Amino acid sequence: MKRCNVLARRGLLILIVLIFSASPLFAQRKITIKLASLVPENTAWGAAINRLASEWGRITNGEVEVIVYHNGAAGDEQAVLRLLKSNQLQAAVFTNIGISEVMPEVLAISYPFLIRDNAELDFVMGRIKPELDARIQQNGFVTLAWANAGWVKIFSRTPVFTPDDLRKIKLASGADNLQMIQAFRVMGYQMIPVQLPELMVALNGGMVDATYLSPIFAAGNQVFGIAKNMSSVNLAPFMGGILMNNTAWRRIPDKYKPQLLEVCKQIEKEIEASIGNLDNEAISTMSRYGLKVNEPDSRQLQQWYDDTAKYENNLVGTASPVFNREFYYKIKAILTNYRGR
């Protein structure tokens, strides 16, 4: 009789375990990550983000689900950042302008004519990334990936070979890009804030004569149809990155994180390779349809660097710096080391 009672109790215990194991309380926990991007889905960035979503789901056996909102569906960078802070979104793709809202120091990377080519950018980022990531995390976010999204170039109605050529004409800048507007005004340029959707109207109506953009954007939006000249000088790298808020990152089990970050590193490399090719393809395509690429000689090229250097104290001085002084001098020291090798 005792044996029967023991067996009955064991059977009841097994039944209880099975019932509760099937209930939602014991089911696999699903973590949903809503990721916003201003970038169109049919771009290298868009494809890479979709791949990230797929790979994260595979690695975690579906425990982490990434839902991507492409094409600016979640709003502009400022709106997305607000949603990230309130955890209505958990991750987003930002330009360096958006990232600067989290960490203002990052804009030092965009100091005009400071970093001059891909090799210099790779050397600089290899040395300052850890500190950038640490400061961003202190401010509530994890950096999943950084990527060079191309180089900003000057597009203009008339040829621009030197700084004085550019000072003679009206230069458009994104209306929300206040630090760059201030920087160029400090250097004596005629700056006109223009919302990007209104840029073509401003160029066509003569409100502005030039602007600075990545070649991919200029090609995609037919800017070269009016601003038919492009200076070959690299004004600044156009950086982008994927940030996740700390709240969402902490919810992801630690056992998955090394693999998830490895996926992000691979995507970072793929984006940079794709963007470099797309930049070149965009310039080639625009050239076939009438774009003139203005290539300054070595003397004119040096004028850009020397001219900007004259305003260093105004741009990073102690009074009211446009760019973070500490990070500017860090980058400058890294570049001096690189160029002296």
C-alpha atoms as a PDB file:
ATOM      1  CA  MET A   1       0.000   0.000   0.000  1.00  0.00           C
ATOM      2  CA  LYS A   2       2.824   2.334   0.902  1.00  0.00           C
ATOM      3  CA  ARG A   3       4.511   1.572  -2.410  1.00  0.00           C
ATOM      4  CA  CYS A   4       1.322   2.421  -4.270  1.00  0.00           C
ATOM      5  CA  ASN A   5       1.051   5.754  -2.426  1.00  0.00           C
ATOM      6  CA  VAL A   6       4.687   6.600  -3.253  1.00  0.00           C
ATOM      7  CA  LEU A   7       4.143   5.778  -6.926  1.00  0.00           C
ATOM      8  CA  ALA A   8       0.948   7.847  -6.949  1.00  0.00           C
ATOM      9  CA  ARG A   9       2.708  10.846  -5.418  1.00  0.00           C
ATOM     10  CA  ARG A  10       5.548  10.544  -7.940  1.00  0.00           C
ATOM     11  CA  GLY A  11       3.068  10.322 -10.769  1.00  0.00           C
ATOM     12  CA  LEU A  12       1.246  13.416  -9.508  1.00  0.00           C
ATOM     13  CA  LEU A  13       4.560  15.317  -9.229  1.00  0.00           C
ATOM     14  CA  ILE A  14       5.531  14.421 -12.787  1.00  0.00           C
ATOM     15  CA  LEU A  15       2.093  15.510 -14.012  1.00  0.00           C
ATOM     16  CA  ILE A  16       2.411  18.892 -12.223  1.00  0.00           C
ATOM     17  CA  VAL A  17       5.873  19.463 -13.734  1.00  0.00           C
ATOM     18  CA  LEU A  18       4.585  18.657 -17.218  1.00  0.00           C
ATOM     19  CA  ILE A  19       1.616  21.002 -16.827  1.00  0.00           C
ATOM     20  CA  PHE A  20       3.722  23.921 -15.643  1.00  0.00           C
ATOM     21  CA  SER A  21       6.441  23.268 -18.219  1.00  0.00           C
ATOM     22  CA  ALA A  22       3.839  23.761 -20.924  1.00  0.00           C
ATOM     23  CA  SER A  23       2.641  27.042 -19.426  1.00  0.00           C
ATOM     24  CA  PRO A  24       3.903  30.472 -20.552  1.00  0.00           C
ATOM     25  CA  LEU A  25       5.805  30.868 -17.261  1.00  0.00           C
ATOM     26  CA  PHE A  26       8.107  28.014 -18.233  1.00  0.00           C
ATOM     27  CA  ALA A  27       8.149  28.656 -21.974  1.00  0.00           C
ATOM     28  CA  GLN A  28      11.268  29.973 -23.684  1.00  0.00           C
ATOM     29  CA  ARG A  29      11.620  33.676 -23.036  1.00  0.00           C
ATOM     30  CA  LYS A  30      11.429  35.718 -26.253  1.00  0.00           C
ATOM     31  CA  ILE A  31      13.269  39.035 -26.442  1.00  0.00           C
ATOM     32  CA  THR A  32      12.042  41.428 -29.123  1.00  0.00           C
ATOM     33  CA  ILE A  33      14.465  44.073 -30.406  1.00  0.00           C
ATOM     34  CA  LYS A  34      12.892  46.828 -32.496  1.00  0.00           C
ATOM     35  CA  LEU A  35      15.598  48.374 -34.678  1.00  0.00           C
ATOM     36  CA  ALA A  36      15.017  51.641 -36.586  1.00  0.00           C
ATOM     37  CA  SER A  37      16.932  52.848 -39.623  1.00  0.00           C
ATOM     38  CA  LEU A  38      16.668  55.960 -41.773  1.00  0.00           C
ATOM     39  CA  VAL A  39      18.455  54.077 -44.552  1.00  0.00           C
ATOM     40  CA  PRO A  40      16.432  52.615 -47.466  1.00  0.00           C
ATOM     41  CA  GLU A  41      16.116  48.845 -47.318  1.00  0.00           C
ATOM     42  CA  ASN A  42      17.490  48.409 -50.858  1.00  0.00           C
ATOM     43  CA  THR A  43      20.983  49.636 -49.879  1.00  0.00           C
ATOM     44  CA  ALA A  44      24.113  47.975 -48.502  1.00  0.00           C
ATOM     45  CA  TRP A  45      23.130  49.173 -45.009  1.00  0.00           C
ATOM     46  CA  GLY A  46      19.582  47.864 -45.415  1.00  0.00           C
ATOM     47  CA  ALA A  47      20.730  44.431 -46.581  1.00  0.00           C
ATOM     48  CA  ALA A  48      23.293  44.231 -43.755  1.00  0.00           C
ATOM     49  CA  ILE A  49      20.697  45.068 -41.102  1.00  0.00           C
ATOM     50  CA  ASN A  50      18.339  42.404 -42.432  1.00  0.00           C
ATOM     51  CA  ARG A  51      21.188  39.917 -42.256  1.00  0.00           C
ATOM     52  CA  LEU A  52      21.928  40.971 -38.673  1.00  0.00           C
ATOM     53  CA  ALA A  53      18.283  40.314 -37.750  1.00  0.00           C
ATOM     54  CA  SER A  54      18.379  36.890 -39.380  1.00  0.00           C
ATOM     55  CA  GLU A  55      21.705  35.880 -37.811  1.00  0.00           C
ATOM     56  CA  TRP A  56      20.716  36.985 -34.305  1.00  0.00           C
ATOM     57  CA  GLY A  57      17.572  34.886 -34.557  1.00  0.00           C
ATOM     58  CA  ARG A  58      19.550  31.859 -35.757  1.00  0.00           C
ATOM     59  CA  ILE A  59      22.270  32.130 -33.080  1.00  0.00           C
ATOM     60  CA  THR A  60      19.727  32.429 -30.260  1.00  0.00           C
ATOM     61  CA  ASN A  61      17.362  29.789 -31.684  1.00  0.00           C
ATOM     62  CA  GLY A  62      14.657  32.428 -31.945  1.00  0.00           C
ATOM     63  CA  GLU A  63      15.047  33.649 -28.375  1.00  0.00           C
ATOM     64  CA  VAL A  64      16.064  37.078 -29.726  1.00  0.00           C
ATOM     65  CA  GLU A  65      13.856  38.454 -32.488  1.00  0.00           C
ATOM     66  CA  VAL A  66      14.987  41.605 -34.310  1.00  0.00           C
ATOM     67  CA  ILE A  67      12.241  43.558 -36.076  1.00  0.00           C
ATOM     68  CA  VAL A  68      13.639  46.183 -38.479  1.00  0.00           C
ATOM     69  CA  TYR A  69      11.887  49.453 -39.367  1.00  0.00           C
ATOM     70  CA  HIS A  70      13.610  50.643 -42.555  1.00  0.00           C
ATOM     71  CA  ASN A  71      13.253  53.857 -44.592  1.00  0.00           C
ATOM     72  CA  GLY A  72      12.835  56.232 -41.649  1.00  0.00           C
ATOM     73  CA  ALA A  73       9.516  54.634 -40.661  1.00  0.00           C
ATOM     74  CA  ALA A  74      10.227  55.381 -36.983  1.00  0.00           C
ATOM     75  CA  GLY A  75      11.029  59.088 -37.600  1.00  0.00           C
ATOM     76  CA  ASP A  76      14.175  61.182 -37.864  1.00  0.00           C
ATOM     77  CA  GLU A  77      17.288  60.669 -35.712  1.00  0.00           C
ATOM     78  CA  GLN A  78      16.100  62.886 -32.868  1.00  0.00           C
ATOM     79  CA  ALA A  79      12.710  61.148 -32.723  1.00  0.00           C
ATOM     80  CA  VAL A  80      14.366  57.728 -32.838  1.00  0.00           C
ATOM     81  CA  LEU A  81      16.752  58.672 -30.026  1.00  0.00           C
ATOM     82  CA  ARG A  82      13.804  59.689 -27.823  1.00  0.00           C
ATOM     83  CA  LEU A  83      12.127  56.336 -28.510  1.00  0.00           C
ATOM     84  CA  LEU A  84      15.368  54.535 -27.691  1.00  0.00           C
ATOM     85  CA  LYS A  85      15.682  56.322 -24.369  1.00  0.00           C
ATOM     86  CA  SER A  86      12.121  55.371 -23.434  1.00  0.00           C
ATOM     87  CA  ASN A  87      12.756  51.782 -24.643  1.00  0.00           C
ATOM     88  CA  GLN A  88       9.926  51.943 -27.193  1.00  0.00           C
ATOM     89  CA  LEU A  89      12.714  51.135 -29.636  1.00  0.00           C
ATOM     90  CA  GLN A  90      15.744  49.133 -28.541  1.00  0.00           C
ATOM     91  CA  ALA A  91      18.282  49.763 -31.333  1.00  0.00           C
ATOM     92  CA  ALA A  92      18.844  52.097 -34.269  1.00  0.00           C
ATOM     93  CA  VAL A  93      21.161  53.043 -37.104  1.00  0.00           C
ATOM     94  CA  PHE A  94      22.538  56.571 -36.701  1.00  0.00           C
ATOM     95  CA  THR A  95      24.798  58.891 -38.661  1.00  0.00           C
ATOM     96  CA  ASN A  96      27.593  60.608 -36.745  1.00  0.00           C
ATOM     97  CA  ILE A  97      25.186  63.530 -36.264  1.00  0.00           C
ATOM     98  CA  GLY A  98      22.738  61.279 -34.427  1.00  0.00           C
ATOM     99  CA  ILE A  99      25.502  59.588 -32.421  1.00  0.00           C
ATOM    100  CA  SER A 100      26.750  63.028 -31.376  1.00  0.00           C
ATOM    101  CA  GLU A 101      23.440  63.495 -29.501  1.00  0.00           C
ATOM    102  CA  VAL A 102      24.584  60.602 -27.298  1.00  0.00           C
ATOM    103  CA  MET A 103      28.283  61.491 -27.277  1.00  0.00           C
ATOM    104  CA  PRO A 104      29.151  64.985 -28.656  1.00  0.00           C
ATOM    105  CA  GLU A 105      32.884  64.154 -28.772  1.00  0.00           C
ATOM    106  CA  VAL A 106      32.359  61.883 -31.787  1.00  0.00           C
ATOM    107  CA  LEU A 107      31.937  64.865 -34.126  1.00  0.00           C
ATOM    108  CA  ALA A 108      35.684  65.526 -33.877  1.00  0.00           C
ATOM    109  CA  ILE A 109      36.021  62.728 -36.444  1.00  0.00           C
ATOM    110  CA  SER A 110      34.179  65.025 -38.890  1.00  0.00           C
ATOM    111  CA  TYR A 111      36.478  68.035 -38.385  1.00  0.00           C
ATOM    112  CA  PRO A 112      36.843  69.329 -41.975  1.00  0.00           C
ATOM    113  CA  PHE A 113      39.874  68.032 -43.883  1.00  0.00           C
ATOM    114  CA  LEU A 114      41.372  66.463 -40.754  1.00  0.00           C
ATOM    115  CA  ILE A 115      41.122  62.780 -41.742  1.00  0.00           C
ATOM    116  CA  ARG A 116      41.940  62.544 -45.442  1.00  0.00           C
ATOM    117  CA  ASP A 117      41.479  58.983 -46.700  1.00  0.00           C
ATOM    118  CA  ASN A 118      40.372  55.462 -45.789  1.00  0.00           C
ATOM    119  CA  ALA A 119      43.800  54.394 -44.519  1.00  0.00           C
ATOM    120  CA  GLU A 120      43.917  57.341 -42.100  1.00  0.00           C
ATOM    121  CA  LEU A 121      40.348  56.715 -40.960  1.00  0.00           C
ATOM    122  CA  ASP A 122      41.044  53.031 -40.277  1.00  0.00           C
ATOM    123  CA  PHE A 123      44.194  53.943 -38.312  1.00  0.00           C
ATOM    124  CA  VAL A 124      42.350  56.553 -36.221  1.00  0.00           C
ATOM    125  CA  MET A 125      39.272  54.417 -35.520  1.00  0.00           C
ATOM    126  CA  GLY A 126      41.436  51.457 -34.555  1.00  0.00           C
ATOM    127  CA  ARG A 127      42.867  53.554 -31.736  1.00  0.00           C
ATOM    128  CA  ILE A 128      39.876  55.550 -30.498  1.00  0.00           C
ATOM    129  CA  LYS A 129      37.017  53.041 -30.882  1.00  0.00           C
ATOM    130  CA  PRO A 130      37.423  51.520 -27.402  1.00  0.00           C
ATOM    131  CA  GLU A 131      37.181  54.933 -25.755  1.00  0.00           C
ATOM    132  CA  LEU A 132      34.243  55.985 -27.950  1.00  0.00           C
ATOM    133  CA  ASP A 133      32.413  52.760 -27.098  1.00  0.00           C
ATOM    134  CA  ALA A 134      33.127  53.145 -23.366  1.00  0.00           C
ATOM    135  CA  ARG A 135      31.798  56.715 -23.276  1.00  0.00           C
ATOM    136  CA  ILE A 136      28.717  55.795 -25.293  1.00  0.00           C
ATOM    137  CA  GLN A 137      27.997  52.975 -22.831  1.00  0.00           C
ATOM    138  CA  GLN A 138      28.364  55.380 -19.916  1.00  0.00           C
ATOM    139  CA  ASN A 139      25.637  57.432 -21.587  1.00  0.00           C
ATOM    140  CA  GLY A 140      23.242  54.492 -21.756  1.00  0.00           C
ATOM    141  CA  PHE A 141      23.981  52.710 -25.034  1.00  0.00           C
ATOM    142  CA  VAL A 142      26.006  49.842 -26.492  1.00  0.00           C
ATOM    143  CA  THR A 143      27.759  50.289 -29.840  1.00  0.00           C
ATOM    144  CA  LEU A 144      26.998  47.236 -31.959  1.00  0.00           C
ATOM    145  CA  ALA A 145      28.830  48.451 -35.068  1.00  0.00           C
ATOM    146  CA  TRP A 146      30.671  51.377 -36.617  1.00  0.00           C
ATOM    147  CA  ALA A 147      31.019  51.822 -40.366  1.00  0.00           C
ATOM    148  CA  ASN A 148      32.380  54.357 -42.792  1.00  0.00           C
ATOM    149  CA  ALA A 149      29.399  55.248 -44.986  1.00  0.00           C
ATOM    150  CA  GLY A 150      31.560  57.027 -47.560  1.00  0.00           C
ATOM    151  CA  TRP A 151      33.176  60.438 -47.894  1.00  0.00           C
ATOM    152  CA  VAL A 152      31.511  63.819 -47.926  1.00  0.00           C
ATOM    153  CA  LYS A 153      32.269  65.779 -51.110  1.00  0.00           C
ATOM    154  CA  ILE A 154      31.471  69.305 -52.278  1.00  0.00           C
ATOM    155  CA  PHE A 155      28.949  69.532 -55.140  1.00  0.00           C
ATOM    156  CA  SER A 156      28.579  72.932 -56.810  1.00  0.00           C
ATOM    157  CA  ARG A 157      27.217  74.771 -59.825  1.00  0.00           C
ATOM    158  CA  THR A 158      30.630  76.227 -60.657  1.00  0.00           C
ATOM    159  CA  PRO A 159      34.031  74.495 -60.298  1.00  0.00           C
ATOM    160  CA  VAL A 160      35.578  74.551 -56.818  1.00  0.00           C
ATOM    161  CA  PHE A 161      39.333  73.948 -56.576  1.00  0.00           C
ATOM    162  CA  THR A 162      40.311  76.074 -53.558  1.00  0.00           C
ATOM    163  CA  PRO A 163      38.765  77.411 -50.319  1.00  0.00           C
ATOM    164  CA  ASP A 164      38.413  80.851 -51.909  1.00  0.00           C
ATOM    165  CA  ASP A 165      36.377  79.368 -54.766  1.00  0.00           C
ATOM    166  CA  LEU A 166      33.935  77.982 -52.179  1.00  0.00           C
ATOM    167  CA  ARG A 167      33.784  81.211 -50.151  1.00  0.00           C
ATOM    168  CA  LYS A 168      32.459  83.098 -53.185  1.00  0.00           C
ATOM    169  CA  ILE A 169      29.282  81.034 -53.364  1.00  0.00           C
ATOM    170  CA  LYS A 170      26.401  80.094 -51.058  1.00  0.00           C
ATOM    171  CA  LEU A 171      26.852  76.710 -49.388  1.00  0.00           C
ATOM    172  CA  ALA A 172      23.886  74.628 -48.217  1.00  0.00           C
ATOM    173  CA  SER A 173      24.040  72.479 -45.110  1.00  0.00           C
ATOM    174  CA  GLY A 174      21.436  70.262 -43.451  1.00  0.00           C
ATOM    175  CA  ALA A 175      19.388  72.482 -41.145  1.00  0.00           C
ATOM    176  CA  ASP A 176      19.876  70.085 -38.220  1.00  0.00           C
ATOM    177  CA  ASN A 177      23.653  69.936 -38.732  1.00  0.00           C
ATOM    178  CA  LEU A 178      24.279  72.931 -36.486  1.00  0.00           C
ATOM    179  CA  GLN A 179      27.895  72.228 -35.549  1.00  0.00           C
ATOM    180  CA  MET A 180      29.043  71.912 -39.158  1.00  0.00           C
ATOM    181  CA  ILE A 181      27.140  75.095 -40.057  1.00  0.00           C
ATOM    182  CA  GLN A 182      28.904  76.883 -37.216  1.00  0.00           C
ATOM    183  CA  ALA A 183      32.290  75.442 -38.213  1.00  0.00           C
ATOM    184  CA  PHE A 184      32.014  76.611 -41.808  1.00  0.00           C
ATOM    185  CA  ARG A 185      30.774  80.036 -40.745  1.00  0.00           C
ATOM    186  CA  VAL A 186      33.791  80.372 -38.455  1.00  0.00           C
ATOM    187  CA  MET A 187      35.965  79.663 -41.503  1.00  0.00           C
ATOM    188  CA  GLY A 188      34.243  82.412 -43.507  1.00  0.00           C
ATOM    189  CA  TYR A 189      31.874  80.439 -45.741  1.00  0.00           C
ATOM    190  CA  GLN A 190      28.366  81.635 -46.680  1.00  0.00           C
ATOM    191  CA  MET A 191      26.229  79.007 -44.976  1.00  0.00           C
ATOM    192  CA  ILE A 192      22.532  78.522 -45.763  1.00  0.00           C
ATOM    193  CA  PRO A 193      20.619  75.954 -43.624  1.00  0.00           C
ATOM    194  CA  VAL A 194      18.404  73.855 -45.881  1.00  0.00           C
ATOM    195  CA  GLN A 195      16.271  70.834 -45.036  1.00  0.00           C
ATOM    196  CA  LEU A 196      17.470  67.954 -47.229  1.00  0.00           C
ATOM    197  CA  PRO A 197      14.049  67.349 -48.851  1.00  0.00           C
ATOM    198  CA  GLU A 198      14.155  70.997 -49.989  1.00  0.00           C
ATOM    199  CA  LEU A 199      17.730  70.949 -51.306  1.00  0.00           C
ATOM    200  CA  MET A 200      16.858  70.490 -54.985  1.00  0.00           C
ATOM    201  CA  VAL A 201      14.397  73.388 -54.866  1.00  0.00           C
ATOM    202  CA  ALA A 202      17.024  75.590 -53.171  1.00  0.00           C
ATOM    203  CA  LEU A 203      19.651  74.687 -55.788  1.00  0.00           C
ATOM    204  CA  ASN A 204      17.262  75.082 -58.699  1.00  0.00           C
ATOM    205  CA  GLY A 205      15.982  78.445 -57.465  1.00  0.00           C
ATOM    206  CA  GLY A 206      19.456  79.904 -56.820  1.00  0.00           C
ATOM    207  CA  MET A 207      18.977  80.100 -53.058  1.00  0.00           C
ATOM    208  CA  VAL A 208      22.227  78.108 -52.777  1.00  0.00           C
ATOM    209  CA  ASP A 209      25.051  77.295 -55.195  1.00  0.00           C
ATOM    210  CA  ALA A 210      26.713  74.328 -53.534  1.00  0.00           C
ATOM    211  CA  THR A 211      26.320  71.674 -50.883  1.00  0.00           C
ATOM    212  CA  TYR A 212      28.305  68.856 -49.301  1.00  0.00           C
ATOM    213  CA  LEU A 213      27.019  65.292 -49.519  1.00  0.00           C
ATOM    214  CA  SER A 214      28.107  61.724 -49.990  1.00  0.00           C
ATOM    215  CA  PRO A 215      28.258  60.793 -53.706  1.00  0.00           C
ATOM    216  CA  ILE A 216      25.708  58.022 -53.110  1.00  0.00           C
ATOM    217  CA  PHE A 217      23.163  60.546 -51.797  1.00  0.00           C
ATOM    218  CA  ALA A 218      23.995  63.030 -54.588  1.00  0.00           C
ATOM    219  CA  ALA A 219      23.446  60.343 -57.218  1.00  0.00           C
ATOM    220  CA  GLY A 220      20.284  58.933 -55.661  1.00  0.00           C
ATOM    221  CA  ASN A 221      18.682  62.362 -55.363  1.00  0.00           C
ATOM    222  CA  GLN A 222      19.883  63.722 -58.741  1.00  0.00           C
ATOM    223  CA  VAL A 223      21.721  66.619 -57.082  1.00  0.00           C
ATOM    224  CA  PHE A 224      24.394  66.428 -59.792  1.00  0.00           C
ATOM    225  CA  GLY A 225      21.782  67.427 -62.373  1.00  0.00           C
ATOM    226  CA  ILE A 226      22.038  71.014 -61.052  1.00  0.00           C
ATOM    227  CA  ALA A 227      25.292  71.010 -59.074  1.00  0.00           C
ATOM    228  CA  LYS A 228      27.292  69.590 -61.964  1.00  0.00           C
ATOM    229  CA  ASN A 229      30.732  69.922 -60.342  1.00  0.00           C
ATOM    230  CA  MET A 230      32.210  67.738 -57.614  1.00  0.00           C
ATOM    231  CA  SER A 231      35.499  68.463 -55.867  1.00  0.00           C
ATOM    232  CA  SER A 232      37.548  65.289 -55.477  1.00  0.00           C
ATOM    233  CA  VAL A 233      38.766  66.461 -52.043  1.00  0.00           C
ATOM    234  CA  ASN A 234      37.484  64.386 -49.109  1.00  0.00           C
ATOM    235  CA  LEU A 235      35.841  66.915 -46.806  1.00  0.00           C
ATOM    236  CA  ALA A 236      35.183  64.429 -43.972  1.00  0.00           C
ATOM    237  CA  PRO A 237      34.271  60.784 -43.445  1.00  0.00           C
ATOM    238  CA  PHE A 238      30.550  60.089 -43.303  1.00  0.00           C
ATOM    239  CA  MET A 239      30.334  57.760 -40.305  1.00  0.00           C
ATOM    240  CA  GLY A 240      27.426  55.625 -39.233  1.00  0.00           C
ATOM    241  CA  GLY A 241      26.773  53.220 -36.394  1.00  0.00           C
ATOM    242  CA  ILE A 242      24.243  50.919 -34.760  1.00  0.00           C
ATOM    243  CA  LEU A 243      23.411  51.627 -31.111  1.00  0.00           C
ATOM    244  CA  MET A 244      21.328  49.602 -28.654  1.00  0.00           C
ATOM    245  CA  ASN A 245      20.105  50.881 -25.311  1.00  0.00           C
ATOM    246  CA  ASN A 246      21.643  49.294 -22.225  1.00  0.00           C
ATOM    247  CA  THR A 247      18.239  48.107 -20.990  1.00  0.00           C
ATOM    248  CA  ALA A 248      17.745  45.859 -24.017  1.00  0.00           C
ATOM    249  CA  TRP A 249      21.367  44.685 -24.073  1.00  0.00           C
ATOM    250  CA  ARG A 250      21.163  43.547 -20.440  1.00  0.00           C
ATOM    251  CA  ARG A 251      18.099  41.403 -21.238  1.00  0.00           C
ATOM    252  CA  ILE A 252      20.040  39.328 -23.768  1.00  0.00           C
ATOM    253  CA  PRO A 253      21.647  36.270 -22.130  1.00  0.00           C
ATOM    254  CA  ASP A 254      25.419  36.651 -21.776  1.00  0.00           C
ATOM    255  CA  LYS A 255      26.032  33.282 -23.417  1.00  0.00           C
ATOM    256  CA  TYR A 256      24.915  34.711 -26.783  1.00  0.00           C
ATOM    257  CA  LYS A 257      26.646  38.094 -26.674  1.00  0.00           C
ATOM    258  CA  PRO A 258      30.105  37.116 -28.047  1.00  0.00           C
ATOM    259  CA  GLN A 259      28.532  35.526 -31.142  1.00  0.00           C
ATOM    260  CA  LEU A 260      26.084  38.401 -31.632  1.00  0.00           C
ATOM    261  CA  LEU A 261      28.919  40.939 -31.509  1.00  0.00           C
ATOM    262  CA  GLU A 262      30.953  38.840 -33.926  1.00  0.00           C
ATOM    263  CA  VAL A 263      28.072  39.050 -36.407  1.00  0.00           C
ATOM    264  CA  CYS A 264      28.114  42.843 -35.969  1.00  0.00           C
ATOM    265  CA  LYS A 265      31.864  42.962 -36.706  1.00  0.00           C
ATOM    266  CA  GLN A 266      31.397  40.998 -39.902  1.00  0.00           C
ATOM    267  CA  ILE A 267      28.531  43.244 -40.980  1.00  0.00           C
ATOM    268  CA  GLU A 268      30.664  46.304 -40.220  1.00  0.00           C
ATOM    269  CA  LYS A 269      33.337  45.043 -42.653  1.00  0.00           C
ATOM    270  CA  GLU A 270      30.781  44.150 -45.312  1.00  0.00           C
ATOM    271  CA  ILE A 271      29.131  47.570 -45.145  1.00  0.00           C
ATOM    272  CA  GLU A 272      32.446  49.396 -45.511  1.00  0.00           C
ATOM    273  CA  ALA A 273      33.454  47.276 -48.508  1.00  0.00           C
ATOM    274  CA  SER A 274      30.058  47.740 -50.165  1.00  0.00           C
ATOM    275  CA  ILE A 275      29.911  51.485 -49.510  1.00  0.00           C
ATOM    276  CA  GLY A 276      33.395  52.011 -50.982  1.00  0.00           C
ATOM    277  CA  ASN A 277      32.320  50.290 -54.186  1.00  0.00           C
ATOM    278  CA  LEU A 278      28.996  52.136 -54.256  1.00  0.00           C
ATOM    279  CA  ASP A 279      30.756  55.505 -53.810  1.00  0.00           C
ATOM    280  CA  ASN A 280      32.968  54.794 -56.829  1.00  0.00           C
ATOM    281  CA  GLU A 281      30.057  53.489 -58.872  1.00  0.00           C
ATOM    282  CA  ALA A 282      27.990  56.579 -58.023  1.00  0.00           C
ATOM    283  CA  ILE A 283      30.775  58.916 -59.164  1.00  0.00           C
ATOM    284  CA  SER A 284      31.276  56.917 -62.389  1.00  0.00           C
ATOM    285  CA  THR A 285      27.550  56.941 -63.141  1.00  0.00           C
ATOM    286  CA  MET A 286      27.198  60.676 -62.458  1.00  0.00           C
ATOM    287  CA  SER A 287      30.260  61.369 -64.637  1.00  0.00           C
ATOM    288  CA  ARG A 288      28.610  59.548 -67.558  1.00  0.00           C
ATOM    289  CA  TYR A 289      25.624  61.853 -67.159  1.00  0.00           C
ATOM    290  CA  GLY A 290      27.502  65.142 -67.069  1.00  0.00           C
ATOM    291  CA  LEU A 291      29.174  65.458 -63.648  1.00  0.00           C
ATOM    292  CA  LYS A 292      32.598  67.113 -63.799  1.00  0.00           C
ATOM    293  CA  VAL A 293      35.072  65.924 -61.183  1.00  0.00           C
ATOM    294  CA  ASN A 294      37.340  68.837 -60.240  1.00  0.00           C
ATOM    295  CA  GLU A 295      40.716  67.507 -59.111  1.00  0.00           C
ATOM    296  CA  PRO A 296      42.928  70.129 -57.408  1.00  0.00           C
ATOM    297  CA  ASP A 297      46.668  69.912 -57.958  1.00  0.00           C
ATOM    298  CA  SER A 298      49.003  69.317 -55.010  1.00  0.00           C
ATOM    299  CA  ARG A 299      49.350  73.049 -54.325  1.00  0.00           C
ATOM    300  CA  GLN A 300      45.571  73.611 -54.304  1.00  0.00           C
ATOM    301  CA  LEU A 301      45.051  70.515 -52.170  1.00  0.00           C
ATOM    302  CA  GLN A 302      47.465  71.832 -49.558  1.00  0.00           C
ATOM    303  CA  GLN A 303      45.529  75.103 -49.499  1.00  0.00           C
ATOM    304  CA  TRP A 304      42.505  73.265 -48.069  1.00  0.00           C
ATOM    305  CA  TYR A 305      44.586  71.797 -45.253  1.00  0.00           C
ATOM    306  CA  ASP A 306      46.497  75.007 -44.492  1.00  0.00           C
ATOM    307  CA  ASP A 307      43.373  77.174 -44.650  1.00  0.00           C
ATOM    308  CA  THR A 308      41.473  74.992 -42.173  1.00  0.00           C
ATOM    309  CA  ALA A 309      44.501  74.879 -39.860  1.00  0.00           C
ATOM    310  CA  LYS A 310      44.344  78.693 -39.530  1.00  0.00           C
ATOM    311  CA  TYR A 311      41.005  78.378 -37.742  1.00  0.00           C
ATOM    312  CA  GLU A 312      42.035  75.608 -35.353  1.00  0.00           C
ATOM    313  CA  ASN A 313      41.913  77.814 -32.263  1.00  0.00           C
ATOM    314  CA  ASN A 314      38.433  79.078 -33.187  1.00  0.00           C
ATOM    315  CA  LEU A 315      37.106  75.584 -33.829  1.00  0.00           C
ATOM    316  CA  VAL A 316      38.574  73.801 -30.800  1.00  0.00           C
ATOM    317  CA  GLY A 317      39.639  76.673 -28.554  1.00  0.00           C
ATOM    318  CA  THR A 318      38.874  76.793 -24.854  1.00  0.00           C
ATOM    319  CA  ALA A 319      36.295  79.608 -25.105  1.00  0.00           C
ATOM    320  CA  SER A 320      33.447  78.063 -27.149  1.00  0.00           C
ATOM    321  CA  PRO A 321      34.759  75.105 -29.146  1.00  0.00           C
ATOM    322  CA  VAL A 322      32.744  73.816 -32.092  1.00  0.00           C
ATOM    323  CA  PHE A 323      34.448  70.410 -31.852  1.00  0.00           C
ATOM    324  CA  ASN A 324      35.527  68.593 -28.714  1.00  0.00           C
ATOM    325  CA  ARG A 325      39.045  69.804 -27.942  1.00  0.00           C
ATOM    326  CA  GLU A 326      40.226  66.632 -26.197  1.00  0.00           C
ATOM    327  CA  PHE A 327      39.209  64.274 -28.995  1.00  0.00           C
ATOM    328  CA  TYR A 328      40.408  66.611 -31.736  1.00  0.00           C
ATOM    329  CA  TYR A 329      43.922  66.647 -30.310  1.00  0.00           C
ATOM    330  CA  LYS A 330      43.850  62.887 -29.778  1.00  0.00           C
ATOM    331  CA  ILE A 331      42.978  62.366 -33.423  1.00  0.00           C
ATOM    332  CA  LYS A 332      45.529  64.934 -34.550  1.00  0.00           C
ATOM    333  CA  ALA A 333      48.283  63.196 -32.543  1.00  0.00           C
ATOM    334  CA  ILE A 334      47.310  59.809 -34.018  1.00  0.00           C
ATOM    335  CA  LEU A 335      47.451  61.274 -37.535  1.00  0.00           C
ATOM    336  CA  THR A 336      50.817  62.937 -36.898  1.00  0.00           C
ATOM    337  CA  ASN A 337      52.144  59.552 -35.821  1.00  0.00           C
ATOM    338  CA  TYR A 338      50.624  57.846 -38.880  1.00  0.00           C
ATOM    339  CA  ARG A 339      51.885  60.421 -41.406  1.00  0.00           C
ATOM    340  CA  GLY A 340      55.376  60.394 -39.876  1.00  0.00           C
ATOM    341  CA  ARG A 341      55.877  56.661 -40.297  1.00  0.00           C
END
